[in-house]
Amino acid sequence: MTTDVHQLDDGAWISVNDERRINVSDLWPLARHEVCDCETADFLVEGFAEVGVEHPDIQARVAGRCITCGTEAVTDWITVGRVIDPETGEFSAVDVTSVHVPDRRHRLARPQE
């Protein structure tokens, strides 16, 4: 089964298999990042700049700002969830309160527009 991943509402949502699953406005702690000089950025997610899939992971580049220092940026790729069962489309989003580590390497297949 194919997993459909799309950005909706100008990057406010990530849709997985035609269901809104991940939204903006959450605070994501980022470690080992290039967003700002803060050791751990308290990153307010304001939009999803790009989404991609490297099965089973769904990843995104996230736009927002560090609320500690005010720096605005777009992150490198962050895993935002995982397709648990490709046959049923079962999806599990990451815990946004856990510490995320952006990955500089672009290894994802971009969804077709």
N, C-alpha and C. Protein backbone atom coordinates (compact mmCIF):
# COMPACT_ATOMS: atom_id res chain seq x y z
N MET A 1 0.84 -1.17 0.00
CA MET A 1 0.00 0.00 0.00
C MET A 1 0.89 1.24 0.00
N THR A 2 0.52 2.26 -0.74
CA THR A 2 1.24 3.51 -0.80
C THR A 2 0.81 4.43 0.34
N THR A 3 1.77 5.15 0.91
CA THR A 3 1.46 6.12 1.95
C THR A 3 1.46 7.51 1.31
N ASP A 4 0.32 8.21 1.38
CA ASP A 4 0.20 9.55 0.84
C ASP A 4 0.52 10.56 1.94
N VAL A 5 1.47 11.45 1.64
CA VAL A 5 1.86 12.49 2.59
C VAL A 5 1.79 13.83 1.89
N HIS A 6 1.10 14.79 2.51
CA HIS A 6 0.93 16.11 1.91
C HIS A 6 0.95 17.18 2.98
N GLN A 7 1.34 18.40 2.57
CA GLN A 7 1.20 19.58 3.41
C GLN A 7 -0.16 20.17 3.10
N LEU A 8 -0.85 20.64 4.13
CA LEU A 8 -2.15 21.27 3.96
C LEU A 8 -2.14 22.66 4.57
N ASP A 9 -3.05 23.50 4.12
CA ASP A 9 -3.27 24.83 4.70
C ASP A 9 -1.97 25.63 4.83
N ASP A 10 -1.26 25.75 3.70
CA ASP A 10 -0.01 26.52 3.65
C ASP A 10 1.01 26.05 4.69
N GLY A 11 1.12 24.75 4.87
CA GLY A 11 2.12 24.19 5.78
C GLY A 11 1.68 24.10 7.22
N ALA A 12 0.41 24.32 7.52
CA ALA A 12 -0.06 24.26 8.90
C ALA A 12 -0.30 22.82 9.37
N TRP A 13 -0.46 21.89 8.45
CA TRP A 13 -0.74 20.49 8.78
C TRP A 13 0.06 19.58 7.87
N ILE A 14 0.35 18.39 8.38
CA ILE A 14 0.83 17.29 7.54
C ILE A 14 -0.27 16.25 7.54
N SER A 15 -0.69 15.88 6.34
CA SER A 15 -1.72 14.87 6.14
C SER A 15 -1.04 13.56 5.78
N VAL A 16 -1.43 12.49 6.45
CA VAL A 16 -0.94 11.15 6.15
C VAL A 16 -2.15 10.31 5.77
N ASN A 17 -2.12 9.79 4.54
CA ASN A 17 -3.24 9.01 4.01
C ASN A 17 -4.57 9.75 4.15
N ASP A 18 -4.56 11.01 3.73
CA ASP A 18 -5.76 11.86 3.69
C ASP A 18 -6.37 12.13 5.06
N GLU A 19 -5.53 12.11 6.09
CA GLU A 19 -6.00 12.42 7.44
C GLU A 19 -5.02 13.40 8.08
N ARG A 20 -5.52 14.53 8.58
CA ARG A 20 -4.65 15.51 9.24
C ARG A 20 -4.07 14.88 10.50
N ARG A 21 -2.73 14.83 10.56
CA ARG A 21 -2.10 14.11 11.67
C ARG A 21 -1.16 14.96 12.51
N ILE A 22 -0.45 15.92 11.90
CA ILE A 22 0.55 16.70 12.63
C ILE A 22 0.30 18.17 12.33
N ASN A 23 0.21 18.99 13.38
CA ASN A 23 -0.07 20.41 13.17
C ASN A 23 1.02 21.29 13.76
N VAL A 24 0.91 22.58 13.47
CA VAL A 24 1.87 23.55 13.98
C VAL A 24 1.42 24.05 15.36
N SER A 25 2.16 24.98 15.90
CA SER A 25 1.89 25.66 17.16
C SER A 25 2.40 24.92 18.38
N ASP A 26 3.08 23.80 18.18
CA ASP A 26 3.67 23.10 19.31
C ASP A 26 5.11 23.57 19.52
N LEU A 27 5.61 23.40 20.73
CA LEU A 27 6.98 23.73 21.07
C LEU A 27 7.79 22.44 21.03
N TRP A 28 8.79 22.39 20.15
CA TRP A 28 9.62 21.20 19.99
C TRP A 28 11.03 21.50 20.47
N PRO A 29 11.54 20.78 21.46
CA PRO A 29 12.93 20.97 21.87
C PRO A 29 13.87 20.37 20.80
N LEU A 30 14.87 21.15 20.37
CA LEU A 30 15.82 20.69 19.36
C LEU A 30 17.22 20.67 19.95
N ALA A 31 17.93 19.56 19.76
CA ALA A 31 19.32 19.44 20.19
C ALA A 31 20.20 19.22 18.96
N ARG A 32 21.49 19.53 19.09
CA ARG A 32 22.45 19.36 17.98
C ARG A 32 21.88 19.92 16.68
N HIS A 33 21.47 21.16 16.73
CA HIS A 33 20.78 21.84 15.64
C HIS A 33 21.61 23.02 15.15
N GLU A 34 21.17 23.62 14.05
CA GLU A 34 21.81 24.82 13.52
C GLU A 34 20.84 25.99 13.48
N VAL A 35 19.80 25.93 14.27
CA VAL A 35 18.77 26.97 14.30
C VAL A 35 19.32 28.26 14.94
N CYS A 36 20.01 28.12 16.05
CA CYS A 36 20.51 29.27 16.81
C CYS A 36 21.67 28.80 17.68
N ASP A 37 22.14 29.68 18.56
CA ASP A 37 23.25 29.34 19.44
C ASP A 37 22.83 28.68 20.75
N CYS A 38 21.53 28.55 21.00
CA CYS A 38 21.05 27.91 22.22
C CYS A 38 21.42 26.42 22.19
N GLU A 39 21.85 25.88 23.34
CA GLU A 39 22.22 24.46 23.38
C GLU A 39 21.03 23.58 23.00
N THR A 40 19.89 23.84 23.61
CA THR A 40 18.64 23.20 23.22
C THR A 40 17.69 24.32 22.85
N ALA A 41 17.26 24.33 21.59
CA ALA A 41 16.33 25.37 21.13
C ALA A 41 14.92 24.98 21.53
N ASP A 42 14.21 25.91 22.13
CA ASP A 42 12.77 25.74 22.39
C ASP A 42 12.09 26.28 21.14
N PHE A 43 11.85 25.40 20.18
CA PHE A 43 11.46 25.79 18.83
C PHE A 43 9.95 25.76 18.66
N LEU A 44 9.37 26.94 18.44
CA LEU A 44 7.93 27.05 18.20
C LEU A 44 7.68 26.76 16.73
N VAL A 45 6.97 25.68 16.44
CA VAL A 45 6.70 25.27 15.06
C VAL A 45 5.62 26.17 14.49
N GLU A 46 5.97 26.88 13.39
CA GLU A 46 5.04 27.80 12.75
C GLU A 46 4.58 27.30 11.39
N GLY A 47 5.27 26.31 10.82
CA GLY A 47 4.86 25.76 9.53
C GLY A 47 5.79 24.66 9.09
N PHE A 48 5.29 23.83 8.20
CA PHE A 48 6.10 22.77 7.62
C PHE A 48 6.55 23.23 6.24
N ALA A 49 7.87 23.39 6.06
CA ALA A 49 8.42 23.90 4.81
C ALA A 49 8.47 22.83 3.73
N GLU A 50 8.81 21.61 4.10
CA GLU A 50 8.88 20.48 3.16
C GLU A 50 8.54 19.21 3.92
N VAL A 51 7.96 18.26 3.24
CA VAL A 51 7.73 16.93 3.82
C VAL A 51 8.26 15.88 2.87
N GLY A 52 8.62 14.74 3.41
CA GLY A 52 9.13 13.66 2.60
C GLY A 52 8.98 12.33 3.33
N VAL A 53 9.20 11.26 2.60
CA VAL A 53 9.04 9.92 3.16
C VAL A 53 10.27 9.09 2.84
N GLU A 54 10.81 8.46 3.85
CA GLU A 54 11.77 7.37 3.68
C GLU A 54 11.20 6.26 4.54
N HIS A 55 10.41 5.41 3.89
CA HIS A 55 9.62 4.42 4.60
C HIS A 55 10.46 3.68 5.62
N PRO A 56 10.00 3.58 6.84
CA PRO A 56 8.68 3.92 7.35
C PRO A 56 8.56 5.33 7.92
N ASP A 57 9.66 6.13 7.87
CA ASP A 57 9.64 7.45 8.50
C ASP A 57 9.02 8.52 7.61
N ILE A 58 8.28 9.42 8.25
CA ILE A 58 7.79 10.64 7.63
C ILE A 58 8.63 11.75 8.25
N GLN A 59 9.25 12.57 7.40
CA GLN A 59 10.13 13.61 7.90
C GLN A 59 9.72 14.95 7.31
N ALA A 60 10.15 16.02 7.99
CA ALA A 60 9.81 17.37 7.53
C ALA A 60 10.93 18.34 7.87
N ARG A 61 11.02 19.39 7.08
CA ARG A 61 11.80 20.58 7.43
C ARG A 61 10.78 21.55 8.00
N VAL A 62 11.07 22.07 9.18
CA VAL A 62 10.09 22.81 9.96
C VAL A 62 10.51 24.28 10.08
N ALA A 63 9.58 25.19 9.82
CA ALA A 63 9.83 26.63 9.97
C ALA A 63 9.29 27.08 11.33
N GLY A 64 10.04 27.97 11.97
CA GLY A 64 9.59 28.49 13.25
C GLY A 64 10.63 29.38 13.88
N ARG A 65 10.56 29.48 15.20
CA ARG A 65 11.50 30.35 15.92
C ARG A 65 11.82 29.76 17.28
N CYS A 66 13.04 30.04 17.74
CA CYS A 66 13.44 29.67 19.10
C CYS A 66 12.85 30.72 20.02
N ILE A 67 12.03 30.31 20.97
CA ILE A 67 11.38 31.28 21.86
C ILE A 67 12.34 31.79 22.93
N THR A 68 13.49 31.14 23.09
CA THR A 68 14.47 31.62 24.07
C THR A 68 15.22 32.84 23.54
N CYS A 69 15.70 32.76 22.27
CA CYS A 69 16.52 33.85 21.73
C CYS A 69 15.84 34.62 20.60
N GLY A 70 14.72 34.10 20.07
CA GLY A 70 13.98 34.79 19.02
C GLY A 70 14.42 34.51 17.60
N THR A 71 15.44 33.69 17.39
CA THR A 71 15.93 33.39 16.05
C THR A 71 14.89 32.63 15.24
N GLU A 72 14.63 33.10 14.03
CA GLU A 72 13.72 32.42 13.11
C GLU A 72 14.55 31.57 12.15
N ALA A 73 14.05 30.37 11.81
CA ALA A 73 14.81 29.48 10.95
C ALA A 73 13.92 28.38 10.39
N VAL A 74 14.48 27.66 9.44
CA VAL A 74 13.90 26.41 8.95
C VAL A 74 14.89 25.32 9.32
N THR A 75 14.42 24.29 9.97
CA THR A 75 15.29 23.21 10.45
C THR A 75 15.76 22.33 9.30
N ASP A 76 16.73 21.49 9.60
CA ASP A 76 17.05 20.37 8.72
C ASP A 76 15.94 19.34 8.92
N TRP A 77 16.06 18.18 8.31
CA TRP A 77 15.01 17.15 8.35
C TRP A 77 14.83 16.58 9.75
N ILE A 78 13.57 16.52 10.19
CA ILE A 78 13.20 15.96 11.50
C ILE A 78 12.15 14.87 11.27
N THR A 79 12.33 13.72 11.92
CA THR A 79 11.32 12.68 11.85
C THR A 79 10.11 13.14 12.65
N VAL A 80 8.95 13.14 12.00
CA VAL A 80 7.72 13.60 12.65
C VAL A 80 6.74 12.45 12.92
N GLY A 81 7.05 11.28 12.38
CA GLY A 81 6.19 10.13 12.61
C GLY A 81 6.66 8.93 11.81
N ARG A 82 5.91 7.84 11.96
CA ARG A 82 6.29 6.59 11.32
C ARG A 82 5.04 5.83 10.92
N VAL A 83 5.09 5.25 9.73
CA VAL A 83 4.01 4.36 9.29
C VAL A 83 4.27 3.00 9.94
N ILE A 84 3.36 2.62 10.82
CA ILE A 84 3.51 1.37 11.59
C ILE A 84 3.16 0.16 10.73
N ASP A 85 2.06 0.26 10.01
CA ASP A 85 1.59 -0.86 9.18
C ASP A 85 1.20 -0.33 7.80
N PRO A 86 2.04 -0.58 6.79
CA PRO A 86 1.73 -0.06 5.46
C PRO A 86 0.46 -0.64 4.85
N GLU A 87 0.05 -1.81 5.28
CA GLU A 87 -1.17 -2.43 4.74
C GLU A 87 -2.43 -1.70 5.20
N THR A 88 -2.43 -1.26 6.46
CA THR A 88 -3.60 -0.57 7.00
C THR A 88 -3.43 0.95 7.01
N GLY A 89 -2.19 1.41 6.82
CA GLY A 89 -1.92 2.84 6.87
C GLY A 89 -1.78 3.36 8.28
N GLU A 90 -1.68 2.46 9.27
CA GLU A 90 -1.55 2.90 10.67
C GLU A 90 -0.31 3.77 10.82
N PHE A 91 -0.49 4.93 11.46
CA PHE A 91 0.56 5.93 11.60
C PHE A 91 0.71 6.32 13.06
N SER A 92 1.95 6.57 13.47
CA SER A 92 2.22 7.04 14.83
C SER A 92 3.09 8.29 14.74
N ALA A 93 2.59 9.40 15.27
CA ALA A 93 3.36 10.64 15.31
C ALA A 93 4.37 10.58 16.46
N VAL A 94 5.45 11.32 16.34
CA VAL A 94 6.43 11.39 17.42
C VAL A 94 5.85 12.18 18.58
N ASP A 95 6.43 12.02 19.73
CA ASP A 95 6.07 12.82 20.90
C ASP A 95 6.77 14.17 20.72
N VAL A 96 6.03 15.22 20.45
CA VAL A 96 6.64 16.52 20.16
C VAL A 96 7.37 17.10 21.36
N THR A 97 7.08 16.61 22.57
CA THR A 97 7.76 17.14 23.76
C THR A 97 9.12 16.49 23.97
N SER A 98 9.41 15.40 23.26
CA SER A 98 10.73 14.78 23.38
C SER A 98 11.75 15.61 22.60
N VAL A 99 13.02 15.43 22.87
CA VAL A 99 14.07 16.18 22.19
C VAL A 99 14.28 15.61 20.79
N HIS A 100 14.29 16.51 19.79
CA HIS A 100 14.46 16.12 18.39
C HIS A 100 15.84 16.55 17.92
N VAL A 101 16.43 15.74 17.04
CA VAL A 101 17.74 16.06 16.48
C VAL A 101 17.59 16.13 14.96
N PRO A 102 17.64 17.34 14.39
CA PRO A 102 17.54 17.47 12.94
C PRO A 102 18.71 16.78 12.25
N ASP A 103 18.46 16.26 11.05
CA ASP A 103 19.46 15.53 10.26
C ASP A 103 19.75 16.34 9.00
N ARG A 104 21.00 16.70 8.79
CA ARG A 104 21.38 17.52 7.64
C ARG A 104 21.26 16.77 6.32
N ARG A 105 21.39 15.47 6.35
CA ARG A 105 21.39 14.69 5.11
C ARG A 105 19.99 14.64 4.52
N HIS A 106 19.90 14.95 3.25
CA HIS A 106 18.62 14.84 2.55
C HIS A 106 18.59 13.47 1.88
N ARG A 107 17.80 12.58 2.41
CA ARG A 107 17.75 11.22 1.87
C ARG A 107 16.32 10.79 1.57
N LEU A 108 15.44 11.74 1.53
CA LEU A 108 14.02 11.44 1.41
C LEU A 108 13.51 11.53 -0.01
N ALA A 109 12.52 10.74 -0.29
CA ALA A 109 11.79 10.88 -1.55
C ALA A 109 10.70 11.91 -1.32
N ARG A 110 10.69 12.96 -2.11
CA ARG A 110 9.66 13.98 -1.97
C ARG A 110 8.36 13.49 -2.55
N PRO A 111 7.24 13.79 -1.88
CA PRO A 111 5.96 13.38 -2.42
C PRO A 111 5.69 14.09 -3.75
N GLN A 112 4.96 13.43 -4.62
CA GLN A 112 4.61 14.02 -5.90
C GLN A 112 3.50 15.04 -5.71
N GLU A 113 3.64 16.18 -6.38
CA GLU A 113 2.61 17.24 -6.31
C GLU A 113 1.53 16.95 -7.32
